[in-house]
Each structure stands twice: as C-alpha cells, then as structure tokens.
C-alpha cells in the first residue's frame, strides 16, 4: 500500500476566489493562504501606529499611507455530511452474540466549515438545533498536552481508547460550555464539544487557522438513530480534509484508495463517539461513514464487533415514525435478560430465530437475483421485518404506541412495520409497498397528527459520508456558478425542510444534488479493531 502521506487532496475542484487559477496556493498546516494575506503582512510591517514607515527601510521609496485592505479567508467554505441509521433486523439478539443489520437513512447531519482571516485566532462550534454555540481562543487550548511526544497521534494512527490525561487537559475548556443551560442540555452540549476538541487537538496543531464549524441535523436527537455518530463523521472528515490527508472522492479514484479514506474517517469518528458514549460499538459511525448497510456481530465485549459492509444494499422507501414516548435502552435490555434467565428454553430459540432473520435478509440482498424494483424481493424483506417485530414483541420490548403505529400502517396496506432500536417507545420503521398511494399516505399523516406521532418519509440504504467543496450547489444547468452556502443562510434555514432544501444531498441517483460527492468504492469488510495504517509502502 502506498504511503498515506503521499495522497493529495483532489477536492480542489475549482480555484478558490482568492487565487489566480494559474498559480499554486500557499499552504499553512493544510490551509490555503491567499497572496492578499502575504501582501497585508508586508504592508503592516511598513506602518507603525498608522504612519508610513517605508522611509526607514533602505532602498524603499516613500509612499502614501493607504487604508489597510481587509484580509481574505484562508480557504473556501466547504461542507461535509453523513447519514443517520436504523437497526433493520436483530435488536436485542445482538446483545447475546447474534447478528444484526443496520442501514443508513436519508436523514442526515450537515457541517459547514468557514475559515476566518489569519488575525482571527478563534475556533467556534455552532449547533443551533440544540441551542449550543461556543468559541475558544486557539492559542489557549491545551496543544502542549496533545503534542507531547508520548501523546501525539497521527492521522493514520488507530485509537481505541481515550487518553485520560488528555481528557483531563480538556476539562477547563469544556466546563465553560453552556454554563446557563439545564443539566441535561449542558451534558449534551459538553459531550459534543468534547468530541470536537479531542479530534481537533489530536489531529491539528497550534498553527491551525481560525474557523467556524456550524452543524445542522435533520436526524431526531436521542431517538436511537445515530445522530451523534453522524456528527462525529462530519467532524472527522472535515478536520482530515483541512489537513489534506484525504484524497477524493472523484470518479477515477481506485477502490483501495477510497477504502483507505473511508477507514481513516471511520477511525477518527469512532474516537468522537468514545468522547460522547464512553464505550460505543462502532456500528453507528461505520454506517454513517460507509452508508448502505452493515451486518455486525459481537462475540464478547472484550473485543470489537465484526462489521461487514453490505455494499449492494438497495435504496428503499421507508417511513420512520417517532412515538415521542421516552424509553431507556438499559431498562429494555434488562427486561429481556430477566426473561431469558427465567425462561431460557423459550427465549433462546426466539433469539436464534431473530439471528436467522438477519442472516436471511443478508443472503437475500447479497444475491444476484435480488431486484429492489421487483415486488417479490421487497416483500421478502418486509415479511422478515414483520416477523422480527413479532418476536421482539414476544420478548416484551414493544409498546402500545408502537403497536398502534403498526396497526395504522397495516390497516391501509402501506407496508411492513417493526420497532427499531431498544423498543419500549422510541421509533418504528415501515418498509413501504411500491403501490402505496399518495391518498393513503395523506390519510396516515392526518391520523399520526391526531395521535401525536411524528413521521419522516425517508430512504433506507443511502450514501455515507459526503463532501461539498467548495460550499456551492449547482442548479443542474450548464450555467457557471451556483448557490453559495454561507453561515447566514445555513443558520436561517428553517427546520428539516429548510435545511434539506438549502443543502440536502438528494435521494436516489436521479435526484442527487450536483456538487455533493461520496466515497462509494469502499471495501467489503471494515472492523474498528483493525490494524494501523502503514507509514511507508
């Protein structure tokens, strides 16, 4: 394998506005520096207290004092995006070493990265959907702790645990985040800040340029849909791009090179997940990075799970319905454990049956005979979802609201429904019939509104991490230019619909937004335990 440091970033699809397109950019720690900044430094050295100091420099003619020209941002704004996920098959059985399948959904997080001028030495993290915003002075961050030879990590390193001393070094910079928020909100805000700072400090350096990182998400938070993993993937990919340690994505990229980029993003996203969750499985960040679907299985909790990427998982229409019923994963897991202890001869076969469902679904979608446009193929997956739900209900992890959602969808013959995640509330998913009529869907929407359920019409099995460089979306016409995404219009986009309308990646091959690009040629097997990337060929 080639030296990872030899890969160059191919995302400079068009010259940044501050550069002549025929000139090579100046680079400082991976950031583009405009010639305007170089000239500005020279001009500043010629002035003291606003007076022209050129006469004191030998060989320089005196010239009139001119107004200082505003400095330019050090790189163009760009965006990254990653999907949420649902568990399609295998909940609860996976706790006991069985297989489960999770798939990406078209609800996504979006991160806009806007560079500041060289004189603006601050880093800002904005997450308006949860009411969070905080700025740090770059020079005050604990770079010395993270850059110590015994602690320093490189972009190609494998990190499976957080360093307690580095976590401790961040605490003064986390404790000041959202001091007036409620305890619950403060925890969410500081967890997000922890993931961001750990990645930034691990990968970057004190010479990192000032920047604003703004996150918008269309994924419901706290609903078991992988929202934190999606954000971790956005942050990981953005920082790695700023360091020029990623190549692509581009149409001619070799599959092994694309696989390396995906693995790199996934590893650092897993670090972000550790900051938020402590001991994550790695499944959520793998789905958010790779897209499509994964089958995962964990023999014991002393090692990482085996994660197999289902590259040919089809894009299928899906309803996601939030019961708005709070639930506790720990409570539902304990409920199944107690039932298994009391009735092992009955519960073990149920768990085995759920395992067989996951295996059957994987075999089906991996078969060359599978056709997502053929009703029989879709029905087979739907039948497996329906059976899976029945077995989960037998384990006692359903809820009256989940059963009501299933009843409403099936009464209109719209598709096949099951709970997703731990159960006891949370969300349900429904694989839609190809002949689901708009009038029936409208009728279902009215019923959901009346009963307080929240519905999202999404797609199952979509793309993983994506990049929009620069942050300009094209209309699809032959005209040059496009719609530039800036901090103001990104912050002002209203709700899920507003965000999707402004920056959404699109659904399905025919609806993809021009400008967004994805690493599509990933390898068939990704394991967070993995091996360290080589530093030489």
Protein backbone atom coordinates (compact mmCIF):
# COMPACT_ATOMS: atom_id res chain seq x y z
CA UNK A 1 0.00 0.00 0.00
CA UNK A 2 1.27 3.48 -0.78
CA UNK A 3 2.50 5.84 1.87
CA UNK A 4 -0.65 7.59 3.25
CA UNK A 5 1.20 10.86 3.34
CA UNK A 6 1.61 10.68 -0.43
CA UNK A 7 -2.11 11.04 -1.06
CA UNK A 8 -3.07 14.56 -2.11
CA UNK A 9 -6.47 16.11 -1.75
CA UNK A 10 -8.34 16.05 -5.04
CA UNK A 11 -11.18 18.19 -3.77
CA UNK A 12 -9.90 21.47 -5.17
CA UNK A 13 -12.42 21.17 -7.95
CA UNK A 14 -12.26 24.84 -8.84
CA UNK A 15 -9.75 27.51 -7.85
CA UNK A 16 -10.68 29.46 -4.70
CA UNK A 17 -11.66 33.01 -5.42
CA UNK A 18 -8.64 34.46 -3.63
CA UNK A 19 -6.23 32.70 -6.01
CA UNK A 20 -5.27 33.15 -9.60
CA UNK A 21 -6.26 29.88 -11.18
CA UNK A 22 -2.84 29.52 -12.78
CA UNK A 23 -0.90 29.98 -9.54
CA UNK A 24 -0.20 27.42 -6.84
CA UNK A 25 -1.70 28.14 -3.42
CA UNK A 26 0.46 28.83 -0.39
CA UNK A 27 -0.22 26.29 2.34
CA UNK A 28 0.00 26.62 6.11
CA UNK A 29 -0.97 23.49 8.04
CA UNK A 30 -3.24 22.42 5.21
CA UNK A 31 -4.93 25.78 4.76
CA UNK A 32 -4.86 27.91 1.63
CA UNK A 33 -3.22 31.29 2.23
CA UNK A 34 -4.06 33.99 -0.26
CA UNK A 35 -1.49 36.30 -1.79
CA UNK A 36 -3.54 39.12 -0.25
CA UNK A 37 -2.52 37.92 3.21
CA UNK A 38 1.17 37.94 2.25
CA UNK A 39 0.87 41.48 0.92
CA UNK A 40 -1.05 42.52 4.01
CA UNK A 41 1.77 41.34 6.26
CA UNK A 42 4.29 43.34 4.24
CA UNK A 43 2.13 46.45 4.36
CA UNK A 44 1.71 46.07 8.12
CA UNK A 45 5.47 45.87 8.61
CA UNK A 46 5.83 49.25 6.88
CA UNK A 47 3.49 51.05 9.27
CA UNK A 48 3.80 51.92 12.92
CA UNK A 49 0.84 53.49 14.69
CA UNK A 50 -0.76 54.18 11.31
CA UNK A 51 2.26 56.10 9.94
CA UNK A 52 4.15 55.07 6.82
CA UNK A 53 7.48 53.62 7.94
CA UNK A 54 8.86 52.87 4.48
CA UNK A 55 11.41 55.73 4.62
CA UNK A 56 13.26 53.93 7.39
CA UNK A 57 13.78 50.90 5.12
CA UNK A 58 16.84 51.24 2.84
CA UNK A 59 16.09 51.09 -0.85
CA UNK A 60 12.35 51.67 -0.46
CA UNK A 61 10.74 54.80 -1.82
CA UNK A 62 8.37 56.67 0.45
CA UNK A 63 4.76 56.10 -0.46
CA UNK A 64 1.50 57.49 0.86
CA UNK A 65 -0.30 55.65 3.64
CA UNK A 66 -3.18 53.61 2.26
CA UNK A 67 -6.10 52.14 4.11
CA UNK A 68 -5.47 48.56 5.18
CA UNK A 69 -7.16 46.09 2.88
CA UNK A 70 -9.39 43.52 4.60
CA UNK A 71 -7.69 40.13 4.78
CA UNK A 72 -9.20 37.19 2.96
CA UNK A 73 -10.31 33.87 4.46
CA UNK A 74 -7.59 31.25 4.22
CA UNK A 75 -9.67 28.68 2.32
CA UNK A 76 -13.09 28.42 0.71
CA UNK A 77 -16.05 27.35 2.83
CA UNK A 78 -16.92 23.68 2.42
CA UNK A 79 -19.36 21.13 3.83
CA UNK A 80 -19.43 17.52 4.96
CA UNK A 81 -22.48 15.36 5.55
CA UNK A 82 -23.26 11.93 7.00
CA UNK A 83 -26.46 9.92 7.46
CA UNK A 84 -28.32 8.59 10.47
CA UNK A 85 -29.13 4.92 10.84
CA UNK A 86 -31.82 2.46 11.87
CA UNK A 87 -31.50 -1.13 13.00
CA UNK A 88 -33.41 -3.12 10.42
CA UNK A 89 -33.04 -6.60 11.92
CA UNK A 90 -31.60 -8.16 15.05
CA UNK A 91 -32.33 -5.88 18.04
CA UNK A 92 -31.69 -7.47 21.45
CA UNK A 93 -30.42 -10.71 19.88
CA UNK A 94 -27.21 -8.81 19.13
CA UNK A 95 -26.61 -8.46 22.88
CA UNK A 96 -26.18 -12.24 23.01
CA UNK A 97 -23.68 -12.64 20.19
CA UNK A 98 -26.19 -12.83 17.33
CA UNK A 99 -26.06 -10.84 14.11
CA UNK A 100 -27.91 -7.57 13.50
CA UNK A 101 -28.26 -5.38 10.42
CA UNK A 102 -28.23 -1.57 10.46
CA UNK A 103 -28.74 0.68 7.44
CA UNK A 104 -28.24 4.34 6.59
CA UNK A 105 -31.27 6.58 6.22
CA UNK A 106 -31.64 9.76 4.19
CA UNK A 107 -31.97 11.93 7.31
CA UNK A 108 -28.51 13.49 7.67
CA UNK A 109 -26.26 15.87 9.56
CA UNK A 110 -24.54 18.72 7.70
CA UNK A 111 -21.40 20.59 8.77
CA UNK A 112 -20.43 23.93 7.23
CA UNK A 113 -16.79 24.92 7.75
CA UNK A 114 -15.97 28.59 7.23
CA UNK A 115 -12.38 29.80 7.54
CA UNK A 116 -11.56 33.09 9.22
CA UNK A 117 -8.74 35.51 8.45
CA UNK A 118 -5.30 34.91 9.92
CA UNK A 119 -5.78 37.58 12.58
CA UNK A 120 -8.93 35.89 13.94
CA UNK A 121 -7.45 33.27 16.26
CA UNK A 122 -10.66 31.61 17.42
CA UNK A 123 -12.44 28.32 16.83
CA UNK A 124 -16.24 28.36 17.08
CA UNK A 125 -18.62 25.39 17.27
CA UNK A 126 -22.25 26.15 16.49
CA UNK A 127 -25.12 23.69 16.84
CA UNK A 128 -28.27 25.83 16.66
CA UNK A 129 -30.66 22.86 16.62
CA UNK A 130 -29.77 22.18 20.26
CA UNK A 131 -29.09 25.80 21.22
CA UNK A 132 -25.32 25.46 21.51
CA UNK A 133 -22.59 27.89 20.49
CA UNK A 134 -19.12 28.32 21.96
CA UNK A 135 -15.81 29.86 20.90
CA UNK A 136 -12.31 29.02 22.08
CA UNK A 137 -9.13 31.04 21.63
CA UNK A 138 -6.83 28.78 19.61
CA UNK A 139 -3.70 29.81 21.49
CA UNK A 140 -5.30 28.96 24.86
CA UNK A 141 -6.19 25.35 24.01
CA UNK A 142 -4.06 22.54 25.54
CA UNK A 143 -1.94 21.89 22.45
CA UNK A 144 1.15 21.11 24.53
CA UNK A 145 -0.58 18.16 26.21
CA UNK A 146 -1.76 16.67 22.93
CA UNK A 147 1.52 17.31 21.08
CA UNK A 148 3.80 15.79 23.71
CA UNK A 149 5.85 13.01 22.07
CA UNK A 150 4.33 10.39 24.37
CA UNK A 151 0.79 11.51 23.49
CA UNK A 152 0.86 12.77 19.91
CA UNK A 153 -1.32 10.89 17.43
CA UNK A 154 -1.11 11.00 13.67
CA UNK A 155 -3.96 10.88 11.19
CA UNK A 156 -3.09 7.29 10.23
CA UNK A 157 -2.98 6.00 13.85
CA UNK A 158 -5.50 3.61 15.34
CA UNK A 159 -7.05 4.97 18.56
CA UNK A 160 -9.23 2.52 20.50
CA UNK A 161 -9.18 4.27 23.88
CA UNK A 162 -9.19 7.85 25.09
CA UNK A 163 -6.14 9.06 26.96
CA UNK A 164 -7.31 10.02 30.50
CA UNK A 165 -4.65 12.73 30.80
CA UNK A 166 -5.74 14.33 27.54
CA UNK A 167 -9.39 14.13 28.58
CA UNK A 168 -8.42 15.85 31.83
CA UNK A 169 -6.50 18.54 29.93
CA UNK A 170 -9.68 19.43 28.01
CA UNK A 171 -11.89 19.79 31.09
CA UNK A 172 -11.27 23.51 31.76
CA UNK A 173 -12.22 24.21 28.15
CA UNK A 174 -15.38 22.06 28.35
CA UNK A 175 -16.67 23.23 31.74
CA UNK A 176 -17.24 26.74 30.36
CA UNK A 177 -19.55 25.49 27.57
CA UNK A 178 -23.25 26.43 28.07
CA UNK A 179 -22.93 27.31 31.80
CA UNK A 180 -26.54 28.53 32.00
CA UNK A 181 -28.12 25.53 30.27
CA UNK A 182 -30.12 22.90 32.15
CA UNK A 183 -28.07 19.93 33.43
CA UNK A 184 -29.45 17.68 30.67
CA UNK A 185 -28.73 20.20 27.91
CA UNK A 186 -25.34 21.07 29.35
CA UNK A 187 -24.34 17.40 29.20
CA UNK A 188 -25.35 17.17 25.53
CA UNK A 189 -23.52 20.40 24.66
CA UNK A 190 -20.35 19.46 26.50
CA UNK A 191 -20.34 15.96 25.00
CA UNK A 192 -20.48 17.48 21.52
CA UNK A 193 -17.72 19.93 22.43
CA UNK A 194 -15.63 17.08 23.85
CA UNK A 195 -15.78 15.10 20.60
CA UNK A 196 -14.93 18.20 18.58
CA UNK A 197 -11.98 19.31 20.72
CA UNK A 198 -10.47 15.85 21.09
CA UNK A 199 -10.42 15.40 17.31
CA UNK A 200 -9.16 18.92 16.67
CA UNK A 201 -6.39 18.73 19.26
CA UNK A 202 -5.35 15.21 18.27
CA UNK A 203 -5.12 15.92 14.55
CA UNK A 204 -4.36 19.64 14.35
CA UNK A 205 -1.69 21.92 15.74
CA UNK A 206 -1.42 25.36 17.31
CA UNK A 207 -0.90 26.88 13.84
CA UNK A 208 -4.42 25.79 12.89
CA UNK A 209 -6.34 28.68 11.36
CA UNK A 210 -9.43 30.23 12.90
CA UNK A 211 -12.68 28.67 11.77
CA UNK A 212 -16.42 28.43 12.37
CA UNK A 213 -17.93 24.93 12.40
CA UNK A 214 -21.72 25.00 12.12
CA UNK A 215 -23.77 21.81 12.44
CA UNK A 216 -27.36 21.35 11.32
CA UNK A 217 -29.06 17.98 11.59
CA UNK A 218 -32.29 16.56 10.22
CA UNK A 219 -31.93 13.48 12.48
CA UNK A 220 -34.05 13.45 15.65
CA UNK A 221 -31.68 13.59 18.63
CA UNK A 222 -31.90 10.94 21.34
CA UNK A 223 -34.15 8.66 19.29
CA UNK A 224 -31.61 5.88 18.69
CA UNK A 225 -30.99 6.98 15.09
CA UNK A 226 -27.24 7.56 15.29
CA UNK A 227 -27.31 11.36 15.40
CA UNK A 228 -24.09 11.63 17.45
CA UNK A 229 -22.24 9.23 15.12
CA UNK A 230 -23.40 11.22 12.11
CA UNK A 231 -21.98 14.39 13.66
CA UNK A 232 -18.73 12.64 14.61
CA UNK A 233 -18.29 11.52 10.99
CA UNK A 234 -18.90 15.08 9.77
CA UNK A 235 -16.29 16.45 12.18
CA UNK A 236 -13.75 13.71 11.45
CA UNK A 237 -13.99 14.09 7.67
CA UNK A 238 -13.88 17.91 7.85
CA UNK A 239 -10.74 18.08 10.01
CA UNK A 240 -8.98 15.40 7.92
CA UNK A 241 -9.85 17.38 4.78
CA UNK A 242 -8.43 20.55 6.29
CA UNK A 243 -5.19 18.68 6.96
CA UNK A 244 -5.13 17.44 3.35
CA UNK A 245 -4.95 13.82 4.49
CA UNK A 246 -7.87 12.66 2.35
CA UNK A 247 -7.93 12.15 -1.39
CA UNK A 248 -11.07 12.20 -3.50
CA UNK A 249 -13.79 11.48 -3.79
CA UNK A 250 -13.61 11.52 -7.57
CA UNK A 251 -14.89 9.21 -10.35
CA UNK A 252 -11.50 7.74 -11.21
CA UNK A 253 -10.41 7.03 -7.64
CA UNK A 254 -9.05 3.46 -7.25
CA UNK A 255 -11.15 1.32 -4.89
CA UNK A 256 -8.25 0.62 -2.50
CA UNK A 257 -7.55 4.34 -2.18
CA UNK A 258 -11.22 5.10 -1.49
CA UNK A 259 -11.25 2.32 1.09
CA UNK A 260 -8.28 3.90 2.86
CA UNK A 261 -10.07 7.26 3.03
CA UNK A 262 -13.24 5.68 4.41
CA UNK A 263 -11.30 3.73 7.02
CA UNK A 264 -9.45 6.87 8.11
CA UNK A 265 -12.66 8.87 8.54
CA UNK A 266 -14.33 5.98 10.36
CA UNK A 267 -11.50 5.51 12.84
CA UNK A 268 -11.50 9.12 13.95
CA UNK A 269 -15.30 9.26 14.03
CA UNK A 270 -15.10 6.31 16.44
CA UNK A 271 -12.85 8.46 18.66
CA UNK A 272 -15.55 11.14 18.65
CA UNK A 273 -18.13 8.52 19.62
CA UNK A 274 -15.94 7.42 22.54
CA UNK A 275 -15.94 11.01 23.79
CA UNK A 276 -19.74 11.04 23.74
CA UNK A 277 -20.69 7.49 24.75
CA UNK A 278 -17.66 6.03 26.51
CA UNK A 279 -17.80 2.51 25.06
CA UNK A 280 -19.60 2.61 21.69
CA UNK A 281 -19.92 -0.49 19.50
CA UNK A 282 -18.57 1.33 16.45
CA UNK A 283 -21.58 0.31 14.41
CA UNK A 284 -23.26 3.71 14.21
CA UNK A 285 -20.16 5.53 12.97
CA UNK A 286 -19.45 2.73 10.46
CA UNK A 287 -22.93 3.06 8.95
CA UNK A 288 -22.65 6.87 8.90
CA UNK A 289 -19.27 6.64 7.17
CA UNK A 290 -19.90 3.84 4.69
CA UNK A 291 -23.61 4.25 4.01
CA UNK A 292 -25.76 1.43 2.63
CA UNK A 293 -25.93 -1.21 5.41
CA UNK A 294 -23.74 -3.27 7.71
CA UNK A 295 -24.14 -6.62 9.44
CA UNK A 296 -22.48 -6.67 12.84
CA UNK A 297 -21.85 -9.37 15.39
CA UNK A 298 -20.06 -9.26 18.72
CA UNK A 299 -18.88 -12.50 20.29
CA UNK A 300 -17.87 -10.83 23.55
CA UNK A 301 -17.45 -7.35 24.94
CA UNK A 302 -13.69 -7.63 25.29
CA UNK A 303 -13.16 -7.15 21.57
CA UNK A 304 -14.59 -5.03 18.77
CA UNK A 305 -17.54 -6.40 16.79
CA UNK A 306 -17.18 -7.96 13.39
CA UNK A 307 -18.68 -5.47 10.95
CA UNK A 308 -19.38 -6.45 7.34
CA UNK A 309 -20.40 -3.75 4.89
CA UNK A 310 -23.37 -4.65 2.67
CA UNK A 311 -22.27 -2.64 -0.35
CA UNK A 312 -25.19 -3.59 -2.60
CA UNK A 313 -27.97 -2.84 -0.12
CA UNK A 314 -30.73 -1.19 -2.19
CA UNK A 315 -32.24 2.24 -1.64
CA UNK A 316 -35.80 1.58 -0.46
CA UNK A 317 -38.64 3.92 0.58
CA UNK A 318 -39.06 3.99 4.34
CA UNK A 319 -41.37 5.60 6.87
CA UNK A 320 -39.77 6.49 10.18
CA UNK A 321 -42.27 7.24 12.94
CA UNK A 322 -41.33 8.68 16.32
CA UNK A 323 -43.72 7.67 19.09
CA UNK A 324 -42.40 10.55 21.22
CA UNK A 325 -42.50 8.02 24.05
CA UNK A 326 -39.34 8.21 26.12
CA UNK A 327 -37.58 4.93 26.73
CA UNK A 328 -34.49 3.54 28.39
CA UNK A 329 -32.25 1.16 26.48
CA UNK A 330 -30.86 -0.19 29.75
CA UNK A 331 -34.38 -0.95 31.03
CA UNK A 332 -35.39 -2.83 27.88
CA UNK A 333 -32.15 -4.82 27.77
CA UNK A 334 -32.59 -5.75 31.44
CA UNK A 335 -36.16 -6.84 30.72
CA UNK A 336 -35.01 -9.33 28.08
CA UNK A 337 -32.18 -10.55 30.32
CA UNK A 338 -34.63 -11.26 33.14
CA UNK A 339 -36.98 -13.13 30.79
CA UNK A 340 -34.08 -15.15 29.39
CA UNK A 341 -32.98 -16.10 32.90
CA UNK A 342 -36.48 -17.17 33.90
CA UNK A 343 -37.44 -18.97 30.66
CA UNK A 344 -34.19 -19.91 28.87
CA UNK A 345 -35.72 -22.77 26.89
CA UNK A 346 -38.23 -20.36 25.34
CA UNK A 347 -36.19 -17.18 24.99
CA UNK A 348 -33.07 -18.78 23.47
CA UNK A 349 -34.99 -20.08 20.42
CA UNK A 350 -36.52 -16.62 19.95
CA UNK A 351 -33.06 -15.06 19.89
CA UNK A 352 -31.87 -17.76 17.48
CA UNK A 353 -34.87 -17.05 15.23
CA UNK A 354 -34.02 -13.34 15.17
CA UNK A 355 -30.46 -14.26 14.21
CA UNK A 356 -31.80 -16.36 11.30
CA UNK A 357 -33.89 -13.40 10.15
CA UNK A 358 -30.78 -11.22 9.89
CA UNK A 359 -28.88 -13.95 8.03
CA UNK A 360 -31.79 -14.45 5.62
CA UNK A 361 -32.02 -10.74 4.87
CA UNK A 362 -28.27 -10.54 4.24
CA UNK A 363 -28.33 -13.58 1.95
CA UNK A 364 -31.26 -12.13 0.04
CA UNK A 365 -29.83 -8.65 -0.64
CA UNK A 366 -26.42 -10.15 -1.44
CA UNK A 367 -27.90 -12.46 -4.06
CA UNK A 368 -27.52 -11.56 -7.72
CA UNK A 369 -31.20 -12.45 -8.11
CA UNK A 370 -32.32 -9.67 -5.77
CA UNK A 371 -34.10 -6.83 -7.56
CA UNK A 372 -35.29 -3.90 -5.44
CA UNK A 373 -37.75 -2.93 -8.19
CA UNK A 374 -39.37 -6.35 -8.09
CA UNK A 375 -42.25 -6.54 -5.60
CA UNK A 376 -41.44 -10.10 -4.52
CA UNK A 377 -37.94 -9.12 -3.39
CA UNK A 378 -39.21 -6.17 -1.37
CA UNK A 379 -42.00 -8.25 0.14
CA UNK A 380 -39.48 -10.82 1.32
CA UNK A 381 -37.58 -8.12 3.25
CA UNK A 382 -40.88 -6.74 4.56
CA UNK A 383 -42.03 -10.15 5.75
CA UNK A 384 -38.78 -10.58 7.65
CA UNK A 385 -39.33 -7.18 9.31
CA UNK A 386 -42.84 -8.17 10.33
CA UNK A 387 -41.68 -11.49 11.81
CA UNK A 388 -38.81 -9.75 13.60
CA UNK A 389 -41.25 -7.33 15.21
CA UNK A 390 -43.47 -10.18 16.39
CA UNK A 391 -40.52 -11.89 18.07
CA UNK A 392 -39.44 -8.65 19.74
CA UNK A 393 -43.00 -8.15 20.99
CA UNK A 394 -42.83 -11.68 22.43
CA UNK A 395 -39.73 -10.60 24.36
CA UNK A 396 -41.78 -7.77 25.88
CA UNK A 397 -39.98 -4.79 24.34
CA UNK A 398 -42.81 -3.33 22.26
CA UNK A 399 -45.15 -0.60 23.49
CA UNK A 400 -48.83 0.26 22.90
CA UNK A 401 -47.79 3.27 20.80
CA UNK A 402 -45.56 1.10 18.62
CA UNK A 403 -48.40 -1.37 18.16
CA UNK A 404 -50.77 1.47 17.27
CA UNK A 405 -48.38 2.70 14.56
CA UNK A 406 -48.13 -0.82 13.16
CA UNK A 407 -51.92 -1.15 13.18
CA UNK A 408 -52.46 2.14 11.32
CA UNK A 409 -49.90 1.37 8.60
CA UNK A 410 -51.06 -2.18 8.02
CA UNK A 411 -54.74 -1.22 8.01
CA UNK A 412 -54.01 1.00 4.98
CA UNK A 413 -51.90 -1.75 3.36
CA UNK A 414 -48.95 0.63 3.10
CA UNK A 415 -46.16 -1.74 4.07
CA UNK A 416 -44.43 -3.77 6.78
CA UNK A 417 -43.70 -2.31 10.21
CA UNK A 418 -41.40 -3.06 13.12
CA UNK A 419 -39.87 -1.26 16.07
CA UNK A 420 -36.26 -0.18 15.66
CA UNK A 421 -33.72 0.03 18.45
CA UNK A 422 -34.32 -0.96 22.04
CA UNK A 423 -38.11 -0.62 21.91
CA UNK A 424 -40.33 0.40 24.81
CA UNK A 425 -41.12 3.56 22.84
CA UNK A 426 -38.73 5.36 20.52
CA UNK A 427 -39.25 4.82 16.81
CA UNK A 428 -40.90 2.43 14.40
CA UNK A 429 -39.93 1.87 10.77
CA UNK A 430 -42.10 0.76 7.87
CA UNK A 431 -40.88 -0.51 4.53
CA UNK A 432 -43.32 0.91 2.01
CA UNK A 433 -45.21 -1.03 -0.63
CA UNK A 434 -44.36 0.01 -4.15
CA UNK A 435 -48.09 0.63 -4.71
CA UNK A 436 -48.58 2.82 -1.62
CA UNK A 437 -50.96 5.52 -2.81
CA UNK A 438 -50.48 9.24 -2.05
CA UNK A 439 -54.04 9.45 -0.71
CA UNK A 440 -53.39 6.63 1.77
CA UNK A 441 -50.19 8.31 2.90
CA UNK A 442 -52.06 11.57 3.40
CA UNK A 443 -54.71 9.75 5.42
CA UNK A 444 -51.98 8.18 7.54
CA UNK A 445 -50.37 11.58 8.09
CA UNK A 446 -53.66 13.01 9.38
CA UNK A 447 -54.05 10.08 11.76
CA UNK A 448 -50.50 10.47 13.03
CA UNK A 449 -51.04 14.20 13.57
CA UNK A 450 -54.22 13.50 15.55
CA UNK A 451 -52.47 10.95 17.76
CA UNK A 452 -49.25 12.88 18.29
CA UNK A 453 -46.86 10.77 16.23
CA UNK A 454 -44.03 12.34 14.23
CA UNK A 455 -43.49 10.92 10.73
CA UNK A 456 -40.44 11.20 8.44
CA UNK A 457 -40.60 9.93 4.88
CA UNK A 458 -37.05 8.77 4.19
CA UNK A 459 -34.98 6.33 2.18
CA UNK A 460 -33.20 3.27 3.52
CA UNK A 461 -29.71 2.32 2.32
CA UNK A 462 -28.41 5.65 1.01
CA UNK A 463 -24.95 7.21 0.74
CA UNK A 464 -22.43 7.54 3.55
CA UNK A 465 -20.13 10.49 4.20
CA UNK A 466 -20.17 13.19 1.52
CA UNK A 467 -18.26 16.37 0.71
CA UNK A 468 -19.32 19.63 -0.91
CA UNK A 469 -16.15 21.54 -1.85
CA UNK A 470 -16.48 24.46 -2.16
CA UNK A 471 -19.84 25.08 -0.45
CA UNK A 472 -21.63 25.87 -3.70
CA UNK A 473 -24.61 23.93 -5.03
CA UNK A 474 -25.38 24.00 -8.72
CA UNK A 475 -28.82 24.11 -10.26
CA UNK A 476 -28.01 21.36 -12.74
CA UNK A 477 -27.97 23.74 -15.69
CA UNK A 478 -24.95 24.46 -17.87
CA UNK A 479 -24.61 27.94 -16.41
CA UNK A 480 -21.45 28.68 -14.47
CA UNK A 481 -21.59 29.42 -10.78
CA UNK A 482 -24.22 28.27 -8.34
CA UNK A 483 -25.77 28.95 -4.96
CA UNK A 484 -23.10 29.66 -2.34
CA UNK A 485 -23.85 28.35 1.14
CA UNK A 486 -22.77 30.80 3.82
CA UNK A 487 -23.16 30.96 7.59
CA UNK A 488 -26.18 33.27 7.45
CA UNK A 489 -28.39 31.27 5.10
CA UNK A 490 -27.30 27.98 6.72
CA UNK A 491 -28.23 29.22 10.19
CA UNK A 492 -31.52 30.69 8.97
CA UNK A 493 -32.74 27.53 7.19
CA UNK A 494 -35.97 26.63 9.00
CA UNK A 495 -36.40 23.07 10.24
CA UNK A 496 -35.70 19.84 8.40
CA UNK A 497 -37.38 21.03 5.21
CA UNK A 498 -35.38 24.26 5.14
CA UNK A 499 -32.04 22.50 5.68
CA UNK A 500 -32.77 19.86 3.04
CA UNK A 501 -33.96 22.47 0.58
CA UNK A 502 -30.79 24.51 1.07
CA UNK A 503 -28.05 21.87 1.26
CA UNK A 504 -29.66 18.41 1.01
CA UNK A 505 -27.71 15.75 -0.88
CA UNK A 506 -30.85 14.44 -2.58
CA UNK A 507 -32.36 10.96 -2.63
CA UNK A 508 -31.78 8.35 -5.31
CA UNK A 509 -29.49 8.51 -8.32
CA UNK A 510 -31.87 10.70 -10.31
CA UNK A 511 -32.25 13.26 -7.50
CA UNK A 512 -28.64 13.71 -6.36
CA UNK A 513 -27.66 17.37 -5.93
CA UNK A 514 -24.82 18.38 -8.22
CA UNK A 515 -21.73 19.22 -6.21
CA UNK A 516 -22.01 16.63 -3.43
CA UNK A 517 -19.51 13.79 -3.84
CA UNK A 518 -19.17 10.48 -1.97
CA UNK A 519 -16.57 7.80 -1.44
CA UNK A 520 -18.58 4.97 -3.00
CA UNK A 521 -15.96 2.29 -3.64
CA UNK A 522 -15.37 1.03 -0.13
CA UNK A 523 -14.09 -2.38 0.86
CA UNK A 524 -16.35 -5.30 1.81
CA UNK A 525 -15.17 -5.55 5.42
CA UNK A 526 -14.48 -2.83 7.96
CA UNK A 527 -13.56 -3.57 11.57
CA UNK A 528 -12.87 -0.81 14.09
CA UNK A 529 -10.30 -3.04 15.78
CA UNK A 530 -8.37 -3.17 12.51
CA UNK A 531 -4.67 -2.60 12.08
CA UNK A 532 -2.64 0.56 11.97
CA UNK A 533 -2.13 2.13 8.58
CA UNK A 534 1.42 1.77 7.33
CA UNK A 535 3.51 4.91 7.17
CA UNK A 536 5.58 3.62 4.28
CA UNK A 537 4.97 1.47 1.26
